[in-house]
Amino acid sequence: MFTGIIQDIAKIVWIKKCRNYFQWVIQLNNIDTNTLLLGSSISCNGCCLTIKTIINNRVSVDIIKETLRVTNLDSFCEGQHINVERSVKFGEEIGGHLVSGHVMITAKIFKIVICNNSKKLWIELNDIIFMKYVFYKGFICIDGISLTIGNVEKNTFCVFLIPETIFNTTIGSKNVGDLVNLEIDYLTKITVDSIERLVLKFNR
């Protein structure tokens, strides 16, 4: 589990594209690799991956075909940067919201509005069926970042980026048309799906 509070902007230093999966080596800057364990979970752009090797300040991960299919990780090249968060420990402060690291869909940045030192990002969902989980002031995880939904219109919604988020994650450098990873708040999904089942049951 994660919280959606990014702890590091890591650089992808090596990519190997195998037949059914990719291998990445990423270089961490702010996360002390001496405190990481082999086999532990790490969030890379919102995707829960498993640490395979640790050498100095670099860790390697494998990205399977299913993850490549439903996320934006297949579009990255060596030298690019990603958002990284280590898994949360029980008893620690949760500044964002509970995030599983299971990306459900990619979405496109539809519009960017600059407001002084902040930004407003409008996101367009590729699959409109997921809009039923998007609520005003609800939680959403974008590229691993815990954000609050500011407005909802048809198949789009917006989030507000404060300077702290812009400077300490990769989202501030995104452009219109870029794809981002989305994880819907799990409690919201359970609630909506449960109500739908009840409605269907009573309407039979």
Protein backbone atom coordinates (compact mmCIF):
# COMPACT_ATOMS: atom_id res chain seq x y z
CA MET A 1 0.00 0.00 0.00
CA PHE A 2 1.03 3.61 -0.64
CA THR A 3 -0.24 7.08 0.23
CA GLY A 4 0.19 9.01 -3.02
CA ILE A 5 2.81 11.31 -1.47
CA ILE A 6 5.79 11.21 -3.84
CA GLN A 7 9.15 10.75 -2.11
CA ASP A 8 11.52 10.84 -5.06
CA ILE A 9 11.81 11.74 -8.72
CA ALA A 10 13.89 8.86 -10.05
CA LYS A 11 15.77 8.62 -13.33
CA ILE A 12 15.38 5.60 -15.60
CA VAL A 13 18.99 4.70 -16.41
CA TRP A 14 18.52 1.38 -18.24
CA ILE A 15 15.70 -0.38 -20.07
CA LYS A 16 15.75 -3.89 -21.50
CA LYS A 17 12.73 -4.92 -23.56
CA CYS A 18 12.23 -8.66 -23.28
CA ARG A 19 9.58 -10.69 -25.06
CA ASN A 20 6.86 -10.52 -22.39
CA TYR A 21 8.21 -7.94 -19.98
CA PHE A 22 10.53 -4.96 -19.55
CA GLN A 23 13.44 -4.65 -17.14
CA TRP A 24 14.16 -1.23 -15.67
CA VAL A 25 17.01 0.11 -13.59
CA ILE A 26 16.12 3.35 -11.83
CA GLN A 27 18.38 5.72 -9.93
CA LEU A 28 16.99 7.02 -6.63
CA ASN A 29 18.00 10.38 -5.23
CA ASN A 30 16.05 10.94 -2.00
CA ILE A 31 15.15 7.40 -0.92
CA ASP A 32 17.92 5.66 1.01
CA THR A 33 18.42 2.28 -0.67
CA ASN A 34 20.03 0.97 2.54
CA THR A 35 16.54 0.95 4.05
CA LEU A 36 15.02 -1.02 1.16
CA LEU A 37 14.77 -4.80 0.98
CA LEU A 38 14.84 -7.15 -2.00
CA GLY A 39 11.30 -8.16 -2.85
CA SER A 40 9.73 -5.08 -1.28
CA SER A 41 7.19 -2.95 -3.14
CA ILE A 42 7.86 0.40 -4.73
CA SER A 43 5.48 2.66 -6.62
CA CYS A 44 6.76 3.81 -10.02
CA ASN A 45 4.42 6.37 -11.57
CA GLY A 46 1.62 4.84 -9.52
CA CYS A 47 2.40 1.21 -10.44
CA CYS A 48 3.26 -1.21 -7.66
CA LEU A 49 6.47 -2.99 -8.69
CA THR A 50 8.81 -5.38 -6.89
CA ILE A 51 12.45 -4.54 -6.22
CA LYS A 52 14.63 -7.19 -7.86
CA THR A 53 18.15 -5.90 -7.20
CA ILE A 54 19.74 -3.08 -5.21
CA ILE A 55 23.16 -1.73 -6.17
CA ASN A 56 24.26 1.50 -4.49
CA ASN A 57 21.47 4.02 -5.22
CA ARG A 58 20.01 2.02 -8.11
CA VAL A 59 17.24 -0.58 -8.03
CA SER A 60 15.91 -2.85 -10.75
CA VAL A 61 12.30 -3.90 -11.39
CA ASP A 62 10.49 -6.12 -13.87
CA ILE A 63 7.36 -4.81 -15.61
CA ILE A 64 5.09 -7.57 -16.89
CA LYS A 65 2.96 -7.49 -20.05
CA GLU A 66 -0.31 -6.75 -18.20
CA THR A 67 1.22 -3.73 -16.48
CA LEU A 68 2.58 -2.45 -19.79
CA ARG A 69 -0.88 -2.87 -21.32
CA VAL A 70 -2.85 -0.81 -18.79
CA THR A 71 -0.28 1.86 -17.89
CA ASN A 72 1.94 4.44 -19.56
CA LEU A 73 5.18 2.67 -18.57
CA ASP A 74 5.74 1.31 -22.08
CA SER A 75 6.21 4.86 -23.40
CA PHE A 76 9.22 5.77 -21.25
CA CYS A 77 12.81 5.94 -22.49
CA GLU A 78 16.18 5.89 -20.75
CA GLY A 79 16.96 9.25 -19.20
CA GLN A 80 13.35 10.12 -18.38
CA HIS A 81 12.08 10.60 -14.83
CA ILE A 82 9.26 8.98 -12.87
CA ASN A 83 7.49 9.51 -9.55
CA VAL A 84 8.55 7.06 -6.84
CA GLU A 85 7.13 6.20 -3.42
CA ARG A 86 8.16 3.36 -1.14
CA SER A 87 5.43 1.30 0.52
CA VAL A 88 3.89 2.77 3.65
CA LYS A 89 4.65 1.40 7.11
CA PHE A 90 1.82 0.93 9.61
CA GLY A 91 1.83 3.73 12.13
CA GLU A 92 3.22 6.33 9.74
CA GLU A 93 1.34 9.46 8.76
CA ILE A 94 -0.88 9.12 5.67
CA GLY A 95 -0.82 12.54 4.07
CA GLY A 96 -2.67 11.55 0.90
CA HIS A 97 -5.05 8.59 0.71
CA LEU A 98 -4.63 4.83 0.64
CA VAL A 99 -3.33 3.76 -2.77
CA SER A 100 -2.85 0.16 -3.89
CA GLY A 101 -0.56 0.81 -6.83
CA HIS A 102 -2.95 -1.00 -9.19
CA VAL A 103 -3.43 1.34 -12.15
CA MET A 104 -6.85 0.86 -13.72
CA ILE A 105 -6.68 3.03 -16.82
CA THR A 106 -4.66 5.66 -18.63
CA ALA A 107 -6.10 9.07 -19.38
CA LYS A 108 -5.09 12.05 -21.51
CA ILE A 109 -4.29 15.55 -20.32
CA PHE A 110 -6.95 17.55 -22.12
CA LYS A 111 -6.15 21.11 -21.00
CA ILE A 112 -3.70 22.93 -18.72
CA VAL A 113 -4.63 26.23 -17.09
CA ILE A 114 -1.85 28.20 -15.36
CA CYS A 115 -3.00 30.23 -12.35
CA ASN A 116 -0.09 32.24 -10.90
CA ASN A 117 2.14 29.61 -9.23
CA SER A 118 -0.41 26.80 -9.51
CA LYS A 119 -1.91 24.81 -12.36
CA LYS A 120 -5.27 23.27 -13.17
CA LEU A 121 -5.12 20.04 -15.19
CA TRP A 122 -8.13 18.78 -17.09
CA ILE A 123 -8.03 15.02 -17.65
CA GLU A 124 -10.02 13.18 -20.33
CA LEU A 125 -10.81 9.51 -19.70
CA ASN A 126 -10.31 7.12 -22.60
CA ASP A 127 -13.04 4.84 -21.22
CA ILE A 128 -16.10 6.81 -20.07
CA ILE A 129 -17.34 3.90 -17.92
CA PHE A 130 -14.81 4.93 -15.25
CA MET A 131 -16.46 8.36 -14.89
CA LYS A 132 -18.99 6.84 -12.50
CA TYR A 133 -16.18 6.64 -9.93
CA VAL A 134 -15.13 10.29 -10.34
CA PHE A 135 -16.75 12.68 -7.87
CA TYR A 136 -16.29 16.34 -6.98
CA LYS A 137 -13.84 16.56 -4.04
CA GLY A 138 -13.17 12.82 -4.31
CA PHE A 139 -9.74 11.18 -4.29
CA ILE A 140 -7.85 10.28 -7.45
CA CYS A 141 -4.31 8.99 -7.95
CA ILE A 142 -2.52 10.34 -11.04
CA ASP A 143 0.93 8.95 -11.87
CA GLY A 144 1.20 7.91 -8.23
CA ILE A 145 0.17 11.32 -6.84
CA SER A 146 -2.76 11.66 -4.44
CA LEU A 147 -4.95 14.50 -5.73
CA THR A 148 -8.41 15.93 -5.11
CA ILE A 149 -10.94 16.23 -7.93
CA GLY A 150 -11.85 19.88 -8.43
CA ASN A 151 -14.61 19.63 -11.05
CA VAL A 152 -16.34 17.06 -13.25
CA GLU A 153 -17.75 17.60 -16.75
CA LYS A 154 -18.97 14.77 -19.00
CA ASN A 155 -15.93 12.51 -19.55
CA THR A 156 -13.40 14.98 -18.10
CA PHE A 157 -12.38 16.16 -14.65
CA CYS A 158 -9.83 18.58 -13.26
CA VAL A 159 -7.30 18.60 -10.44
CA PHE A 160 -5.44 21.55 -8.93
CA LEU A 161 -1.66 21.45 -8.58
CA ILE A 162 -0.05 23.50 -5.82
CA PRO A 163 3.61 24.60 -6.15
CA GLU A 164 4.73 21.77 -3.80
CA THR A 165 3.25 19.17 -6.17
CA ILE A 166 4.57 20.90 -9.29
CA PHE A 167 8.16 21.08 -8.02
CA ASN A 168 8.38 17.70 -6.28
CA THR A 169 6.75 15.42 -8.87
CA THR A 170 6.88 14.99 -12.63
CA ILE A 171 3.32 16.18 -13.22
CA GLY A 172 4.33 19.82 -13.48
CA SER A 173 6.26 19.08 -16.68
CA LYS A 174 3.40 17.26 -18.40
CA ASN A 175 1.94 18.63 -21.63
CA VAL A 176 -1.46 18.53 -23.30
CA GLY A 177 -1.91 15.13 -24.93
CA ASP A 178 0.34 13.26 -22.50
CA LEU A 179 -1.00 10.03 -21.03
CA VAL A 180 -1.12 9.58 -17.25
CA ASN A 181 -1.84 6.56 -15.04
CA LEU A 182 -5.06 6.63 -13.04
CA GLU A 183 -6.01 4.67 -9.96
CA ILE A 184 -9.58 5.21 -8.78
CA ASP A 185 -10.07 5.41 -5.02
CA TYR A 186 -10.79 1.82 -4.02
CA LEU A 187 -13.43 2.68 -1.39
CA THR A 188 -15.28 4.81 -3.94
CA LYS A 189 -15.22 1.95 -6.44
CA ILE A 190 -16.56 -0.56 -3.87
CA THR A 191 -19.36 1.82 -2.87
CA VAL A 192 -20.47 2.57 -6.44
CA ASP A 193 -20.29 -1.08 -7.55
CA SER A 194 -22.20 -2.26 -4.45
CA ILE A 195 -25.01 0.26 -5.02
CA GLU A 196 -25.24 -0.76 -8.68
CA ARG A 197 -25.61 -4.42 -7.69
CA LEU A 198 -28.35 -3.58 -5.19
CA VAL A 199 -30.24 -1.50 -7.76
CA LEU A 200 -30.03 -4.33 -10.31
CA LYS A 201 -31.18 -6.86 -7.72
CA PHE A 202 -34.27 -4.85 -6.71
CA ASN A 203 -35.18 -4.02 -10.32
CA ARG A 204 -35.34 -7.66 -11.38
